[in-house]
N, C-alpha and C. Protein backbone atom coordinates (compact mmCIF):
# COMPACT_ATOMS: atom_id res chain seq x y z
N MET A 1 -19.26 40.81 13.21
CA MET A 1 -20.07 40.67 12.02
C MET A 1 -19.20 40.97 10.79
N ASN A 2 -19.39 40.21 9.75
CA ASN A 2 -18.62 40.40 8.51
C ASN A 2 -19.08 41.62 7.74
N ARG A 3 -18.13 42.32 7.20
CA ARG A 3 -18.41 43.47 6.36
C ARG A 3 -18.85 42.97 4.98
N PRO A 4 -19.83 43.58 4.36
CA PRO A 4 -20.25 43.15 3.03
C PRO A 4 -19.09 43.20 2.03
N VAL A 5 -19.10 42.29 1.10
CA VAL A 5 -18.02 42.17 0.12
C VAL A 5 -17.98 43.36 -0.83
N GLY A 6 -19.10 43.91 -1.19
CA GLY A 6 -19.17 45.02 -2.14
C GLY A 6 -18.29 46.20 -1.76
N PRO A 7 -18.46 46.77 -0.55
CA PRO A 7 -17.63 47.92 -0.15
C PRO A 7 -16.15 47.57 -0.12
N GLU A 8 -15.80 46.39 0.34
CA GLU A 8 -14.39 45.99 0.40
C GLU A 8 -13.80 45.92 -1.01
N THR A 9 -14.58 45.39 -1.95
CA THR A 9 -14.11 45.30 -3.33
C THR A 9 -13.91 46.70 -3.91
N VAL A 10 -14.84 47.60 -3.64
CA VAL A 10 -14.73 48.97 -4.13
C VAL A 10 -13.49 49.64 -3.54
N ASP A 11 -13.25 49.44 -2.23
CA ASP A 11 -12.06 50.03 -1.59
C ASP A 11 -10.78 49.52 -2.24
N ARG A 12 -10.71 48.24 -2.49
CA ARG A 12 -9.50 47.67 -3.09
C ARG A 12 -9.30 48.13 -4.53
N LEU A 13 -10.39 48.23 -5.26
CA LEU A 13 -10.28 48.74 -6.64
C LEU A 13 -9.85 50.21 -6.64
N ARG A 14 -10.33 50.97 -5.67
CA ARG A 14 -9.93 52.38 -5.55
C ARG A 14 -8.43 52.47 -5.27
N ALA A 15 -7.93 51.62 -4.36
CA ALA A 15 -6.50 51.62 -4.03
C ALA A 15 -5.68 51.20 -5.26
N PHE A 16 -6.19 50.26 -6.01
CA PHE A 16 -5.51 49.80 -7.22
C PHE A 16 -5.45 50.94 -8.25
N THR A 17 -6.57 51.62 -8.43
CA THR A 17 -6.64 52.75 -9.37
C THR A 17 -5.66 53.84 -8.96
N GLU A 18 -5.60 54.15 -7.68
CA GLU A 18 -4.68 55.19 -7.19
C GLU A 18 -3.23 54.78 -7.43
N ALA A 19 -2.91 53.51 -7.21
CA ALA A 19 -1.54 53.03 -7.44
C ALA A 19 -1.18 53.15 -8.90
N LEU A 20 -2.12 52.83 -9.79
CA LEU A 20 -1.87 52.96 -11.23
C LEU A 20 -1.65 54.42 -11.60
N GLU A 21 -2.51 55.30 -11.09
CA GLU A 21 -2.40 56.73 -11.41
C GLU A 21 -1.10 57.34 -10.88
N ASN A 22 -0.63 56.85 -9.73
CA ASN A 22 0.62 57.37 -9.13
C ASN A 22 1.86 56.77 -9.75
N GLY A 23 1.68 55.79 -10.62
CA GLY A 23 2.82 55.13 -11.24
C GLY A 23 3.58 54.21 -10.29
N SER A 24 2.90 53.76 -9.25
CA SER A 24 3.53 52.87 -8.27
C SER A 24 3.86 51.51 -8.90
N ASP A 25 4.89 50.87 -8.34
CA ASP A 25 5.23 49.51 -8.74
C ASP A 25 4.21 48.60 -8.07
N LEU A 26 3.30 48.05 -8.86
CA LEU A 26 2.18 47.27 -8.32
C LEU A 26 2.65 46.08 -7.49
N SER A 27 3.78 45.49 -7.87
CA SER A 27 4.26 44.31 -7.13
C SER A 27 4.76 44.68 -5.73
N GLU A 28 5.05 45.97 -5.51
CA GLU A 28 5.46 46.42 -4.18
C GLU A 28 4.26 46.82 -3.32
N VAL A 29 3.19 47.22 -3.98
CA VAL A 29 2.01 47.68 -3.26
C VAL A 29 1.02 46.53 -3.00
N PHE A 30 0.94 45.60 -3.93
CA PHE A 30 -0.03 44.52 -3.85
C PHE A 30 0.67 43.16 -3.90
N THR A 31 0.00 42.19 -3.36
CA THR A 31 0.50 40.82 -3.47
C THR A 31 0.19 40.34 -4.88
N CYS A 32 1.23 40.02 -5.60
CA CYS A 32 1.07 39.55 -6.99
C CYS A 32 1.58 38.12 -7.07
N ARG A 33 0.78 37.26 -7.65
CA ARG A 33 1.18 35.87 -7.81
C ARG A 33 0.95 35.44 -9.25
N LYS A 34 1.84 34.61 -9.69
CA LYS A 34 1.67 33.98 -10.99
C LYS A 34 1.55 32.48 -10.71
N ILE A 35 0.47 31.92 -11.12
CA ILE A 35 0.24 30.50 -10.89
C ILE A 35 0.52 29.74 -12.17
N VAL A 36 1.37 28.75 -12.07
CA VAL A 36 1.74 27.93 -13.21
C VAL A 36 1.40 26.49 -12.88
N LEU A 37 0.69 25.83 -13.75
CA LEU A 37 0.35 24.42 -13.55
C LEU A 37 1.37 23.55 -14.27
N ASP A 38 1.87 22.56 -13.58
CA ASP A 38 2.77 21.60 -14.21
C ASP A 38 1.93 20.39 -14.59
N LEU A 39 1.47 20.37 -15.81
CA LEU A 39 0.57 19.32 -16.28
C LEU A 39 1.16 18.54 -17.45
N ARG A 40 2.48 18.51 -17.52
CA ARG A 40 3.10 17.72 -18.58
C ARG A 40 2.76 16.26 -18.35
N PRO A 41 2.21 15.61 -19.34
CA PRO A 41 1.79 14.22 -19.14
C PRO A 41 2.97 13.27 -19.06
N GLU A 42 2.74 12.20 -18.33
CA GLU A 42 3.69 11.09 -18.25
C GLU A 42 3.80 10.47 -19.64
N ALA A 43 4.95 9.94 -19.96
CA ALA A 43 5.10 9.16 -21.20
C ALA A 43 4.60 7.76 -20.90
N TYR A 44 3.64 7.28 -21.66
CA TYR A 44 3.01 5.99 -21.37
C TYR A 44 3.58 4.89 -22.24
N SER A 45 4.22 3.95 -21.57
CA SER A 45 4.70 2.73 -22.23
C SER A 45 3.51 1.79 -22.38
N PRO A 46 3.62 0.77 -23.21
CA PRO A 46 2.54 -0.20 -23.32
C PRO A 46 2.16 -0.80 -21.95
N GLU A 47 3.16 -1.09 -21.13
CA GLU A 47 2.90 -1.67 -19.81
C GLU A 47 2.13 -0.71 -18.91
N LEU A 48 2.49 0.58 -18.97
CA LEU A 48 1.83 1.57 -18.12
C LEU A 48 0.39 1.80 -18.56
N VAL A 49 0.13 1.75 -19.86
CA VAL A 49 -1.25 1.85 -20.35
C VAL A 49 -2.06 0.70 -19.78
N LYS A 50 -1.52 -0.52 -19.90
CA LYS A 50 -2.23 -1.70 -19.42
C LYS A 50 -2.45 -1.63 -17.91
N GLN A 51 -1.44 -1.20 -17.16
CA GLN A 51 -1.58 -1.07 -15.71
C GLN A 51 -2.69 -0.07 -15.36
N THR A 52 -2.75 1.00 -16.12
CA THR A 52 -3.77 2.03 -15.87
C THR A 52 -5.16 1.46 -16.14
N ARG A 53 -5.28 0.74 -17.24
CA ARG A 53 -6.57 0.11 -17.57
C ARG A 53 -6.96 -0.88 -16.47
N GLU A 54 -5.99 -1.65 -16.01
CA GLU A 54 -6.27 -2.65 -14.98
C GLU A 54 -6.61 -2.03 -13.63
N LEU A 55 -6.14 -0.81 -13.38
CA LEU A 55 -6.53 -0.10 -12.15
C LEU A 55 -8.05 0.04 -12.07
N LEU A 56 -8.66 0.20 -13.24
CA LEU A 56 -10.12 0.37 -13.29
C LEU A 56 -10.85 -0.95 -13.51
N ASN A 57 -10.09 -2.04 -13.63
CA ASN A 57 -10.68 -3.37 -13.86
C ASN A 57 -11.55 -3.38 -15.12
N LEU A 58 -11.04 -2.80 -16.20
CA LEU A 58 -11.80 -2.72 -17.44
C LEU A 58 -11.13 -3.52 -18.54
N SER A 59 -11.95 -4.04 -19.43
CA SER A 59 -11.44 -4.65 -20.65
C SER A 59 -10.92 -3.54 -21.56
N GLN A 60 -10.21 -3.91 -22.60
CA GLN A 60 -9.75 -2.90 -23.56
C GLN A 60 -10.94 -2.17 -24.18
N THR A 61 -11.99 -2.90 -24.47
CA THR A 61 -13.17 -2.29 -25.09
C THR A 61 -13.80 -1.24 -24.18
N LEU A 62 -14.00 -1.59 -22.90
CA LEU A 62 -14.63 -0.64 -21.98
C LEU A 62 -13.71 0.51 -21.64
N PHE A 63 -12.41 0.24 -21.53
CA PHE A 63 -11.45 1.31 -21.28
C PHE A 63 -11.45 2.30 -22.44
N ALA A 64 -11.49 1.76 -23.65
CA ALA A 64 -11.53 2.61 -24.84
C ALA A 64 -12.79 3.48 -24.83
N GLU A 65 -13.91 2.89 -24.50
CA GLU A 65 -15.16 3.65 -24.45
C GLU A 65 -15.09 4.73 -23.39
N PHE A 66 -14.51 4.39 -22.23
CA PHE A 66 -14.38 5.35 -21.14
C PHE A 66 -13.50 6.53 -21.54
N LEU A 67 -12.42 6.26 -22.28
CA LEU A 67 -11.50 7.33 -22.71
C LEU A 67 -11.99 8.06 -23.96
N GLY A 68 -12.96 7.47 -24.66
CA GLY A 68 -13.45 8.11 -25.89
C GLY A 68 -12.59 7.81 -27.10
N VAL A 69 -11.97 6.63 -27.11
CA VAL A 69 -11.17 6.20 -28.25
C VAL A 69 -11.66 4.82 -28.69
N SER A 70 -11.09 4.31 -29.75
CA SER A 70 -11.51 2.99 -30.22
C SER A 70 -10.75 1.88 -29.49
N ARG A 71 -11.32 0.68 -29.52
CA ARG A 71 -10.64 -0.48 -28.93
C ARG A 71 -9.32 -0.72 -29.62
N LYS A 72 -9.27 -0.52 -30.95
CA LYS A 72 -8.03 -0.71 -31.70
C LYS A 72 -6.95 0.27 -31.25
N THR A 73 -7.36 1.46 -30.86
CA THR A 73 -6.41 2.44 -30.36
C THR A 73 -5.77 1.95 -29.06
N VAL A 74 -6.60 1.47 -28.13
CA VAL A 74 -6.07 0.94 -26.86
C VAL A 74 -5.17 -0.26 -27.14
N GLN A 75 -5.58 -1.12 -28.06
CA GLN A 75 -4.74 -2.27 -28.43
C GLN A 75 -3.38 -1.80 -28.93
N ALA A 76 -3.39 -0.80 -29.80
CA ALA A 76 -2.14 -0.27 -30.36
C ALA A 76 -1.25 0.31 -29.27
N TRP A 77 -1.85 0.98 -28.29
CA TRP A 77 -1.07 1.52 -27.18
C TRP A 77 -0.42 0.40 -26.39
N GLU A 78 -1.22 -0.64 -26.09
CA GLU A 78 -0.72 -1.73 -25.26
C GLU A 78 0.26 -2.63 -26.00
N GLN A 79 0.20 -2.63 -27.31
CA GLN A 79 1.15 -3.43 -28.10
C GLN A 79 2.37 -2.62 -28.49
N GLY A 80 2.36 -1.33 -28.21
CA GLY A 80 3.49 -0.48 -28.54
C GLY A 80 3.53 -0.04 -29.99
N THR A 81 2.44 -0.27 -30.71
CA THR A 81 2.36 0.13 -32.12
C THR A 81 2.30 1.64 -32.26
N ASN A 82 1.47 2.26 -31.44
CA ASN A 82 1.31 3.73 -31.42
C ASN A 82 1.31 4.20 -29.98
N PRO A 83 2.00 5.28 -29.68
CA PRO A 83 1.92 5.83 -28.31
C PRO A 83 0.64 6.66 -28.17
N PRO A 84 0.11 6.74 -26.96
CA PRO A 84 -1.08 7.58 -26.75
C PRO A 84 -0.73 9.06 -26.93
N GLN A 85 -1.69 9.82 -27.43
CA GLN A 85 -1.51 11.27 -27.56
C GLN A 85 -1.52 11.91 -26.18
N ASP A 86 -1.00 13.14 -26.12
CA ASP A 86 -0.86 13.83 -24.84
C ASP A 86 -2.18 13.92 -24.07
N ILE A 87 -3.29 14.18 -24.75
CA ILE A 87 -4.57 14.33 -24.04
C ILE A 87 -4.97 13.03 -23.37
N ALA A 88 -4.74 11.90 -24.03
CA ALA A 88 -5.03 10.59 -23.43
C ALA A 88 -4.09 10.34 -22.26
N CYS A 89 -2.83 10.73 -22.39
CA CYS A 89 -1.87 10.57 -21.30
C CYS A 89 -2.28 11.39 -20.10
N ARG A 90 -2.75 12.62 -20.33
CA ARG A 90 -3.21 13.47 -19.23
C ARG A 90 -4.37 12.81 -18.50
N PHE A 91 -5.31 12.24 -19.28
CA PHE A 91 -6.46 11.57 -18.67
C PHE A 91 -5.98 10.36 -17.86
N MET A 92 -5.06 9.59 -18.40
CA MET A 92 -4.54 8.43 -17.67
C MET A 92 -3.75 8.87 -16.43
N ASP A 93 -3.06 10.02 -16.52
CA ASP A 93 -2.39 10.57 -15.33
C ASP A 93 -3.40 10.82 -14.22
N GLU A 94 -4.52 11.41 -14.59
CA GLU A 94 -5.57 11.70 -13.60
C GLU A 94 -6.13 10.41 -13.01
N ILE A 95 -6.30 9.40 -13.84
CA ILE A 95 -6.78 8.11 -13.35
C ILE A 95 -5.80 7.54 -12.33
N ARG A 96 -4.51 7.63 -12.64
CA ARG A 96 -3.49 7.08 -11.75
C ARG A 96 -3.37 7.89 -10.45
N LEU A 97 -3.61 9.19 -10.52
CA LEU A 97 -3.53 10.05 -9.33
C LEU A 97 -4.67 9.80 -8.35
N ASN A 98 -5.84 9.45 -8.88
CA ASN A 98 -7.01 9.26 -8.02
C ASN A 98 -7.85 8.12 -8.56
N SER A 99 -7.30 6.93 -8.51
CA SER A 99 -7.98 5.78 -9.12
C SER A 99 -9.31 5.47 -8.44
N GLU A 100 -9.42 5.72 -7.14
CA GLU A 100 -10.69 5.43 -6.45
C GLU A 100 -11.82 6.30 -7.00
N PHE A 101 -11.54 7.55 -7.27
CA PHE A 101 -12.54 8.44 -7.87
C PHE A 101 -12.99 7.90 -9.22
N TRP A 102 -12.00 7.50 -10.06
CA TRP A 102 -12.32 7.06 -11.40
C TRP A 102 -12.99 5.68 -11.41
N LYS A 103 -12.67 4.83 -10.43
CA LYS A 103 -13.40 3.56 -10.31
C LYS A 103 -14.87 3.84 -10.02
N LYS A 104 -15.11 4.80 -9.15
CA LYS A 104 -16.48 5.19 -8.82
C LYS A 104 -17.19 5.73 -10.06
N ARG A 105 -16.48 6.58 -10.83
CA ARG A 105 -17.08 7.13 -12.05
C ARG A 105 -17.43 6.04 -13.05
N VAL A 106 -16.55 5.03 -13.16
CA VAL A 106 -16.85 3.90 -14.05
C VAL A 106 -18.12 3.21 -13.59
N LYS A 107 -18.20 2.92 -12.29
CA LYS A 107 -19.39 2.25 -11.76
C LYS A 107 -20.65 3.06 -12.01
N GLU A 108 -20.55 4.37 -11.86
CA GLU A 108 -21.71 5.24 -12.10
C GLU A 108 -22.12 5.25 -13.57
N SER A 109 -21.19 4.92 -14.45
CA SER A 109 -21.46 4.96 -15.88
C SER A 109 -22.09 3.68 -16.41
N ILE A 110 -22.07 2.64 -15.60
CA ILE A 110 -22.55 1.34 -16.07
C ILE A 110 -24.07 1.34 -16.18
N ARG A 111 -24.53 0.92 -17.35
CA ARG A 111 -25.95 0.69 -17.59
C ARG A 111 -26.07 -0.74 -18.07
N VAL A 112 -26.78 -1.54 -17.37
CA VAL A 112 -26.97 -2.92 -17.76
C VAL A 112 -28.17 -2.98 -18.69
N THR A 113 -27.95 -3.56 -19.87
CA THR A 113 -29.05 -3.73 -20.81
C THR A 113 -29.30 -5.21 -20.99
N GLN A 114 -30.49 -5.52 -21.32
CA GLN A 114 -30.87 -6.91 -21.48
C GLN A 114 -30.96 -7.20 -22.97
N GLU A 115 -30.16 -8.17 -23.38
CA GLU A 115 -30.20 -8.55 -24.79
C GLU A 115 -31.33 -9.54 -25.03
N VAL A 116 -31.96 -9.40 -26.18
CA VAL A 116 -33.07 -10.29 -26.53
C VAL A 116 -32.59 -11.37 -27.45
């Protein structure tokens, strides 16, 4: 049977407090980890922007809407007039890493309206 989490947490905090009070080197007494994320975005060329958009089978207009930018912005990226900002590059990195997930998200976002 599993021991309740509460007592185990209290025991570990007590051990931590004792180590601090004794002046112990915490890295020798406890497992210490530093987690660093490598999230530097890819540099997006006009071709790579277009390839990313085409992964989702979207027009420039719908790709722009999906990313939260204007159609003119996507046009400028694809024509090489302006490079995408880092946040857009990060989003496109995620699309390229898991395009099937993002294709599904696009499909879930579609609302068909009837024009009169």
